[in-house]
C-alpha atoms as a PDB file:
ATOM      1  CA  MET A   1     -11.699 -12.761  73.862  1.00  0.00           C
ATOM      2  CA  THR A   2      -8.709 -11.481  72.017  1.00  0.00           C
ATOM      3  CA  GLY A   3      -9.256  -9.803  68.671  1.00  0.00           C
ATOM      4  CA  ASN A   4      -7.181 -10.466  65.625  1.00  0.00           C
ATOM      5  CA  SER A   5      -4.943  -7.529  64.778  1.00  0.00           C
ATOM      6  CA  SER A   6      -2.972  -7.034  61.613  1.00  0.00           C
ATOM      7  CA  SER A   7      -1.422  -4.286  59.553  1.00  0.00           C
ATOM      8  CA  VAL A   8      -3.355  -3.276  56.470  1.00  0.00           C
ATOM      9  CA  ASP A   9      -2.601  -1.032  53.542  1.00  0.00           C
ATOM     10  CA  ILE A  10      -5.929   0.696  53.086  1.00  0.00           C
ATOM     11  CA  ARG A  11      -5.138   1.393  49.426  1.00  0.00           C
ATOM     12  CA  GLU A  12      -4.613  -2.254  48.572  1.00  0.00           C
ATOM     13  CA  ASN A  13      -7.326  -3.916  50.634  1.00  0.00           C
ATOM     14  CA  SER A  14     -10.652  -3.803  48.824  1.00  0.00           C
ATOM     15  CA  ALA A  15     -12.474  -4.616  52.066  1.00  0.00           C
ATOM     16  CA  VAL A  16     -11.177  -1.389  53.577  1.00  0.00           C
ATOM     17  CA  THR A  17     -12.349   1.599  51.581  1.00  0.00           C
ATOM     18  CA  MET A  18     -13.042   5.218  52.388  1.00  0.00           C
ATOM     19  CA  GLU A  19     -16.646   4.788  51.235  1.00  0.00           C
ATOM     20  CA  ASN A  20     -17.228   2.206  53.955  1.00  0.00           C
ATOM     21  CA  CYS A  21     -15.758   4.331  56.713  1.00  0.00           C
ATOM     22  CA  SER A  22     -16.591   7.314  58.800  1.00  0.00           C
ATOM     23  CA  ILE A  23     -13.405   9.290  59.184  1.00  0.00           C
ATOM     24  CA  PHE A  24     -12.571  11.190  62.337  1.00  0.00           C
ATOM     25  CA  LYS A  25      -9.407  13.196  61.767  1.00  0.00           C
ATOM     26  CA  ASN A  26      -7.370  14.848  64.477  1.00  0.00           C
ATOM     27  CA  ASN A  27      -4.055  16.295  63.325  1.00  0.00           C
ATOM     28  CA  TRP A  28      -1.938  13.380  62.105  1.00  0.00           C
ATOM     29  CA  TRP A  29      -4.151  10.669  63.587  1.00  0.00           C
ATOM     30  CA  GLY A  30      -7.461   9.325  62.374  1.00  0.00           C
ATOM     31  CA  VAL A  31      -9.830   6.602  63.444  1.00  0.00           C
ATOM     32  CA  LEU A  32     -11.818   4.791  60.790  1.00  0.00           C
ATOM     33  CA  ILE A  33     -14.860   2.832  61.851  1.00  0.00           C
ATOM     34  CA  MET A  34     -16.084   0.171  59.437  1.00  0.00           C
ATOM     35  CA  GLN A  35     -19.809   0.114  58.844  1.00  0.00           C
ATOM     36  CA  GLU A  36     -20.090  -3.623  58.279  1.00  0.00           C
ATOM     37  CA  SER A  37     -21.684  -6.580  60.073  1.00  0.00           C
ATOM     38  CA  THR A  38     -18.272  -7.558  61.406  1.00  0.00           C
ATOM     39  CA  ALA A  39     -17.221  -4.418  63.229  1.00  0.00           C
ATOM     40  CA  ARG A  40     -13.674  -3.336  62.581  1.00  0.00           C
ATOM     41  CA  LEU A  41     -11.855  -0.613  64.409  1.00  0.00           C
ATOM     42  CA  ILE A  42      -9.108   0.819  62.262  1.00  0.00           C
ATOM     43  CA  LYS A  43      -6.525   3.069  63.846  1.00  0.00           C
ATOM     44  CA  CYS A  44      -4.624   5.015  61.223  1.00  0.00           C
ATOM     45  CA  ASP A  45      -1.458   7.024  61.323  1.00  0.00           C
ATOM     46  CA  ILE A  46      -2.209   9.594  58.651  1.00  0.00           C
ATOM     47  CA  LYS A  47       0.630  11.320  56.850  1.00  0.00           C
ATOM     48  CA  GLU A  48      -0.398  14.462  55.013  1.00  0.00           C
ATOM     49  CA  ASP A  49       1.285  16.918  52.697  1.00  0.00           C
ATOM     50  CA  GLN A  50       1.241  20.701  53.150  1.00  0.00           C
ATOM     51  CA  ASN A  51      -2.208  20.911  51.543  1.00  0.00           C
ATOM     52  CA  ASN A  52      -3.691  18.464  54.074  1.00  0.00           C
ATOM     53  CA  ALA A  53      -4.042  15.839  51.355  1.00  0.00           C
ATOM     54  CA  PHE A  54      -3.647  12.173  52.207  1.00  0.00           C
ATOM     55  CA  LYS A  55      -0.223  10.837  51.303  1.00  0.00           C
ATOM     56  CA  ASP A  56      -0.040   7.615  53.253  1.00  0.00           C
ATOM     57  CA  LEU A  57      -1.993   5.628  55.819  1.00  0.00           C
ATOM     58  CA  SER A  58      -0.548   3.128  58.220  1.00  0.00           C
ATOM     59  CA  CYS A  59      -3.515   1.233  59.623  1.00  0.00           C
ATOM     60  CA  THR A  60      -4.203  -1.314  62.298  1.00  0.00           C
ATOM     61  CA  VAL A  61      -7.356  -3.401  62.062  1.00  0.00           C
ATOM     62  CA  GLU A  62      -9.069  -5.110  64.961  1.00  0.00           C
ATOM     63  CA  ILE A  63     -11.758  -7.562  63.911  1.00  0.00           C
ATOM     64  CA  LYS A  64     -14.222  -7.956  66.746  1.00  0.00           C
ATOM     65  CA  SER A  65     -16.341 -11.065  66.967  1.00  0.00           C
END
């Protein structure tokens, strides 16, 4: 049972949106959990500016079946 893993740009993948996720932020790292029938665990490296605003996300998606 190996899950498929791939890199995803969260800004360009319509299936991965902030509205569909619960965001748990801890310093520069965040974990986004998809609330869909096919559970996806998304580990994100979050880069922020000085105002703690999102600048970039480097995400890994594991599709569990």
